[in-house]
Amino acid sequence: MDYVGFLFKLVRAFLNTVKRPLTLRCAQSLPPCAAYVVHHQNLRGPVQVMRSLPVPPRPWVLHVFFSYAECYRQYAGYTFSKRLHWPRLLARAVSIPLSLFVSALVRSCRAVPVYRSLTHLRDTFRDSLDSLLRGESVLIAPDVHYEDDGPLMREMYEGFLQLAPLYRKRTGKPLPFVPLYCSPARGELFVGEPIYFQADAPFSEERVRVARQLTDAINSMAMACGDVKESAMRAAQ
């Protein structure tokens, strides 16, 4: 963990002292370099992964959380005021110290900034690819409805899968996309089998297939550990 900052190490150590990290459950050893995919669950997924994996990956984080000013506007102007319907003064008061802490923590864990504009989105992929080429891993929570804290993963954004052809072009190797499922009820972090793009198939078709396999793998792990009933799984499909 030498590449992460002191604040992240301190927060991780504190969290893991207060409550033990999730126990890894995987059929094989973790790949040295991968794109980990986890169900967001209103931030629970990424937090559990970052405190539980032996070597924390670089998480994709919305760019507004990297600076205090933008982070404050996000919390005060949307999260607390519009989404949670807090009184304006309370939203502003809470957002001041929280924005200072969150923006510093995001930078300390060397998160990858994610932009909504196509122009700056190229920076996200370049930064991620550089990390992968150095042998580091990235963590992505691609849920469309990130605020859904239920165990089932539903619709996901598929744009992050563009990492596959970029990585293959630079290395000649397939990039493993590894599905993760966090079960705090069982105290376990389940690691699924890596999923790869087929080199000889059209990317447009492979993107749909890999996205579906990632979703199915995460939901299957949720059902296997008892967090989701089979009837709920069928209803979601």
Protein backbone atom coordinates (compact mmCIF):
# COMPACT_ATOMS: atom_id res chain seq x y z
CA MET A 1 0.00 0.00 0.00
CA ASP A 2 2.97 2.31 -0.42
CA TYR A 3 1.33 4.23 -3.23
CA VAL A 4 -1.59 5.43 -1.10
CA GLY A 5 -1.44 8.39 1.26
CA PHE A 6 -1.23 8.57 5.03
CA LEU A 7 -4.84 9.71 5.51
CA PHE A 8 -6.21 6.71 3.63
CA LYS A 9 -3.99 4.33 5.61
CA LEU A 10 -5.13 5.96 8.85
CA VAL A 11 -8.84 5.76 7.97
CA ARG A 12 -8.50 2.17 6.77
CA ALA A 13 -6.69 1.15 9.96
CA PHE A 14 -9.33 2.87 12.10
CA LEU A 15 -12.24 1.20 10.28
CA ASN A 16 -10.59 -2.20 10.45
CA THR A 17 -9.92 -1.73 14.17
CA VAL A 18 -13.51 -0.76 14.93
CA LYS A 19 -14.84 -3.65 12.84
CA ARG A 20 -12.83 -6.38 11.20
CA PRO A 21 -12.63 -6.24 7.39
CA LEU A 22 -14.58 -8.69 5.29
CA THR A 23 -13.02 -12.13 4.85
CA LEU A 24 -12.05 -12.90 1.26
CA ARG A 25 -13.86 -15.81 -0.35
CA CYS A 26 -12.36 -16.67 -3.71
CA ALA A 27 -11.77 -19.89 -5.62
CA GLN A 28 -8.38 -18.77 -6.91
CA SER A 29 -5.70 -16.22 -6.18
CA LEU A 30 -6.42 -12.62 -7.06
CA PRO A 31 -5.00 -11.48 -10.41
CA PRO A 32 -2.07 -9.07 -10.00
CA CYS A 33 -3.74 -6.54 -12.28
CA ALA A 34 -7.50 -6.33 -12.87
CA ALA A 35 -10.58 -4.17 -13.18
CA TYR A 36 -12.68 -5.04 -10.14
CA VAL A 37 -16.42 -4.48 -10.48
CA VAL A 38 -18.65 -4.13 -7.41
CA HIS A 39 -22.27 -3.23 -6.72
CA HIS A 40 -22.24 0.37 -5.44
CA GLN A 41 -25.03 -0.02 -2.83
CA ASN A 42 -24.98 3.66 -1.90
CA LEU A 43 -21.18 3.60 -1.36
CA ARG A 44 -21.13 0.47 0.83
CA GLY A 45 -19.60 -1.70 -1.89
CA PRO A 46 -16.54 0.45 -2.66
CA VAL A 47 -15.90 1.17 1.04
CA GLN A 48 -15.96 -2.50 1.97
CA VAL A 49 -13.66 -3.42 -0.92
CA MET A 50 -11.15 -0.67 -0.13
CA ARG A 51 -10.89 -1.75 3.50
CA SER A 52 -10.87 -5.50 2.82
CA LEU A 53 -8.68 -6.26 -0.21
CA PRO A 54 -5.03 -6.83 0.80
CA VAL A 55 -3.88 -4.35 -1.83
CA PRO A 56 -6.53 -1.65 -2.34
CA PRO A 57 -7.22 -0.86 -6.00
CA ARG A 58 -7.60 2.66 -7.37
CA PRO A 59 -11.33 3.45 -7.22
CA TRP A 60 -13.18 5.39 -9.88
CA VAL A 61 -14.66 8.46 -8.17
CA LEU A 62 -16.73 11.29 -9.64
CA HIS A 63 -14.41 14.24 -10.25
CA VAL A 64 -16.39 16.66 -8.05
CA PHE A 65 -15.13 14.90 -4.92
CA PHE A 66 -11.48 15.75 -5.59
CA SER A 67 -11.67 19.44 -4.67
CA TYR A 68 -13.15 21.01 -1.57
CA ALA A 69 -15.17 23.63 -3.48
CA GLU A 70 -16.81 21.18 -5.88
CA CYS A 71 -17.34 18.62 -3.15
CA TYR A 72 -19.08 21.24 -1.01
CA ARG A 73 -21.37 22.24 -3.87
CA GLN A 74 -22.26 18.57 -4.46
CA TYR A 75 -23.14 17.91 -0.82
CA ALA A 76 -24.79 21.23 0.05
CA GLY A 77 -26.49 21.80 -3.29
CA TYR A 78 -27.67 18.26 -4.02
CA THR A 79 -26.94 15.37 -1.64
CA PHE A 80 -28.25 16.84 1.59
CA SER A 81 -30.62 19.52 0.29
CA LYS A 82 -32.32 17.88 -2.70
CA ARG A 83 -31.76 14.16 -2.21
CA LEU A 84 -32.17 13.96 1.57
CA HIS A 85 -34.31 17.12 1.90
CA TRP A 86 -32.36 18.57 4.82
CA PRO A 87 -32.87 22.24 5.81
CA ARG A 88 -30.53 24.48 3.87
CA LEU A 89 -28.55 25.73 6.88
CA LEU A 90 -28.02 22.22 8.22
CA ALA A 91 -26.93 20.98 4.79
CA ARG A 92 -24.36 23.77 4.53
CA ALA A 93 -23.07 23.30 8.08
CA VAL A 94 -22.49 19.57 7.63
CA SER A 95 -21.04 19.98 4.14
CA ILE A 96 -18.15 22.22 5.26
CA PRO A 97 -16.19 19.69 7.40
CA LEU A 98 -17.37 16.70 5.37
CA SER A 99 -16.13 18.19 2.10
CA LEU A 100 -12.72 18.92 3.60
CA PHE A 101 -12.40 15.33 4.81
CA VAL A 102 -13.80 13.57 1.73
CA SER A 103 -11.79 15.52 -0.83
CA ALA A 104 -8.59 14.86 1.13
CA LEU A 105 -9.41 11.15 1.52
CA VAL A 106 -10.23 10.73 -2.19
CA ARG A 107 -6.87 12.20 -3.15
CA SER A 108 -5.10 10.14 -0.51
CA CYS A 109 -6.35 6.83 -1.93
CA ARG A 110 -5.25 7.96 -5.41
CA ALA A 111 -8.71 7.59 -6.84
CA VAL A 112 -9.22 7.94 -10.58
CA PRO A 113 -11.37 11.01 -11.38
CA VAL A 114 -14.41 10.20 -13.52
CA TYR A 115 -15.81 12.93 -15.75
CA ARG A 116 -19.22 13.13 -17.40
CA SER A 117 -18.02 15.06 -20.44
CA LEU A 118 -16.60 13.03 -23.31
CA THR A 119 -13.66 15.42 -23.61
CA HIS A 120 -12.39 14.80 -20.08
CA LEU A 121 -13.53 11.19 -19.96
CA ARG A 122 -10.47 10.36 -22.03
CA ASP A 123 -8.38 11.43 -19.01
CA THR A 124 -10.19 8.82 -16.90
CA PHE A 125 -9.27 6.03 -19.31
CA ARG A 126 -5.71 7.26 -19.76
CA ASP A 127 -5.17 7.42 -16.00
CA SER A 128 -6.73 3.97 -15.52
CA LEU A 129 -4.73 2.43 -18.34
CA ASP A 130 -1.48 3.86 -16.98
CA SER A 131 -2.26 2.26 -13.61
CA LEU A 132 -3.05 -1.10 -15.18
CA LEU A 133 0.19 -1.00 -17.17
CA ARG A 134 2.07 -0.41 -13.91
CA GLY A 135 0.49 -3.57 -12.51
CA GLU A 136 -2.07 -1.80 -10.33
CA SER A 137 -5.79 -2.58 -10.28
CA VAL A 138 -8.82 -0.31 -10.53
CA LEU A 139 -12.19 -0.54 -8.80
CA ILE A 140 -15.41 0.41 -10.60
CA ALA A 141 -18.98 0.57 -9.28
CA PRO A 142 -20.95 1.12 -12.51
CA ASP A 143 -24.51 1.10 -11.15
CA VAL A 144 -26.94 3.43 -12.91
CA HIS A 145 -28.93 3.73 -9.67
CA TYR A 146 -26.02 4.02 -7.24
CA GLU A 147 -28.30 4.99 -4.35
CA ASP A 148 -30.01 1.57 -4.44
CA ASP A 149 -28.67 -0.17 -1.32
CA GLY A 150 -30.36 -3.52 -2.03
CA PRO A 151 -28.24 -6.63 -2.64
CA LEU A 152 -29.25 -7.07 -6.29
CA MET A 153 -27.26 -5.29 -8.98
CA ARG A 154 -29.53 -4.00 -11.72
CA GLU A 155 -28.75 -1.74 -14.68
CA MET A 156 -25.13 -0.73 -15.14
CA TYR A 157 -23.24 1.75 -17.28
CA GLU A 158 -21.13 -0.16 -19.79
CA GLY A 159 -18.68 2.56 -20.83
CA PHE A 160 -15.96 1.37 -18.45
CA LEU A 161 -15.62 -1.81 -20.54
CA GLN A 162 -13.74 0.26 -23.12
CA LEU A 163 -10.72 -0.48 -20.93
CA ALA A 164 -10.61 -3.97 -22.47
CA PRO A 165 -9.58 -3.03 -26.05
CA LEU A 166 -7.31 -0.25 -24.77
CA TYR A 167 -5.46 -2.69 -22.52
CA ARG A 168 -5.24 -5.39 -25.20
CA LYS A 169 -3.89 -2.87 -27.71
CA ARG A 170 -1.06 -1.90 -25.35
CA THR A 171 -0.22 -5.34 -23.94
CA GLY A 172 -1.61 -7.93 -26.34
CA LYS A 173 -3.30 -9.54 -23.34
CA PRO A 174 -6.93 -9.65 -22.16
CA LEU A 175 -7.89 -7.54 -19.15
CA PRO A 176 -9.61 -9.51 -16.39
CA PHE A 177 -12.87 -7.99 -15.15
CA VAL A 178 -13.42 -9.46 -11.68
CA PRO A 179 -16.91 -9.33 -10.11
CA LEU A 180 -17.08 -8.70 -6.37
CA TYR A 181 -19.93 -9.02 -3.90
CA CYS A 182 -19.85 -7.65 -0.34
CA SER A 183 -21.93 -9.38 2.33
CA PRO A 184 -21.50 -7.52 5.65
CA ALA A 185 -24.18 -9.79 7.15
CA ARG A 186 -21.83 -12.74 6.66
CA GLY A 187 -18.67 -10.69 7.03
CA GLU A 188 -17.38 -11.88 3.65
CA LEU A 189 -16.19 -10.42 0.37
CA PHE A 190 -16.90 -12.82 -2.48
CA VAL A 191 -14.62 -12.77 -5.51
CA GLY A 192 -16.00 -14.22 -8.74
CA GLU A 193 -14.17 -15.77 -11.67
CA PRO A 194 -12.50 -13.23 -14.01
CA ILE A 195 -14.45 -12.41 -17.16
CA TYR A 196 -12.61 -11.65 -20.40
CA PHE A 197 -13.40 -10.13 -23.77
CA GLN A 198 -12.94 -12.43 -26.75
CA ALA A 199 -10.38 -10.97 -29.11
CA ASP A 200 -12.04 -12.25 -32.30
CA ALA A 201 -15.57 -10.99 -31.52
CA PRO A 202 -17.01 -7.49 -32.23
CA PHE A 203 -16.58 -5.15 -29.27
CA SER A 204 -20.22 -4.02 -29.45
CA GLU A 205 -21.41 -7.60 -28.94
CA GLU A 206 -18.79 -8.44 -26.34
CA ARG A 207 -19.62 -5.35 -24.29
CA VAL A 208 -23.22 -6.50 -23.90
CA ARG A 209 -22.15 -10.05 -23.06
CA VAL A 210 -19.52 -9.07 -20.49
CA ALA A 211 -21.83 -6.54 -18.82
CA ARG A 212 -24.51 -9.20 -18.49
CA GLN A 213 -22.07 -11.77 -17.15
CA LEU A 214 -20.74 -9.33 -14.57
CA THR A 215 -24.26 -8.50 -13.39
CA ASP A 216 -25.27 -12.16 -13.29
CA ALA A 217 -22.10 -13.11 -11.41
CA ILE A 218 -22.61 -10.46 -8.73
CA ASN A 219 -26.26 -11.38 -8.28
CA SER A 220 -25.47 -15.10 -8.20
CA MET A 221 -22.99 -14.50 -5.37
CA ALA A 222 -25.64 -12.48 -3.53
CA MET A 223 -28.08 -15.36 -3.86
CA ALA A 224 -25.49 -18.03 -2.99
CA CYS A 225 -24.67 -16.39 0.33
CA GLY A 226 -28.34 -15.96 1.22
CA ASP A 227 -28.64 -12.19 0.85
CA VAL A 228 -31.12 -12.61 -2.04
CA LYS A 229 -33.92 -15.12 -2.35
CA GLU A 230 -34.34 -17.02 -5.61
CA SER A 231 -37.83 -15.56 -6.11
CA ALA A 232 -36.41 -12.02 -5.94
CA MET A 233 -33.75 -12.96 -8.46
CA ARG A 234 -36.34 -14.26 -10.91
CA ALA A 235 -38.46 -11.13 -10.49
CA ALA A 236 -35.47 -8.91 -11.30
CA GLN A 237 -34.64 -10.74 -14.51
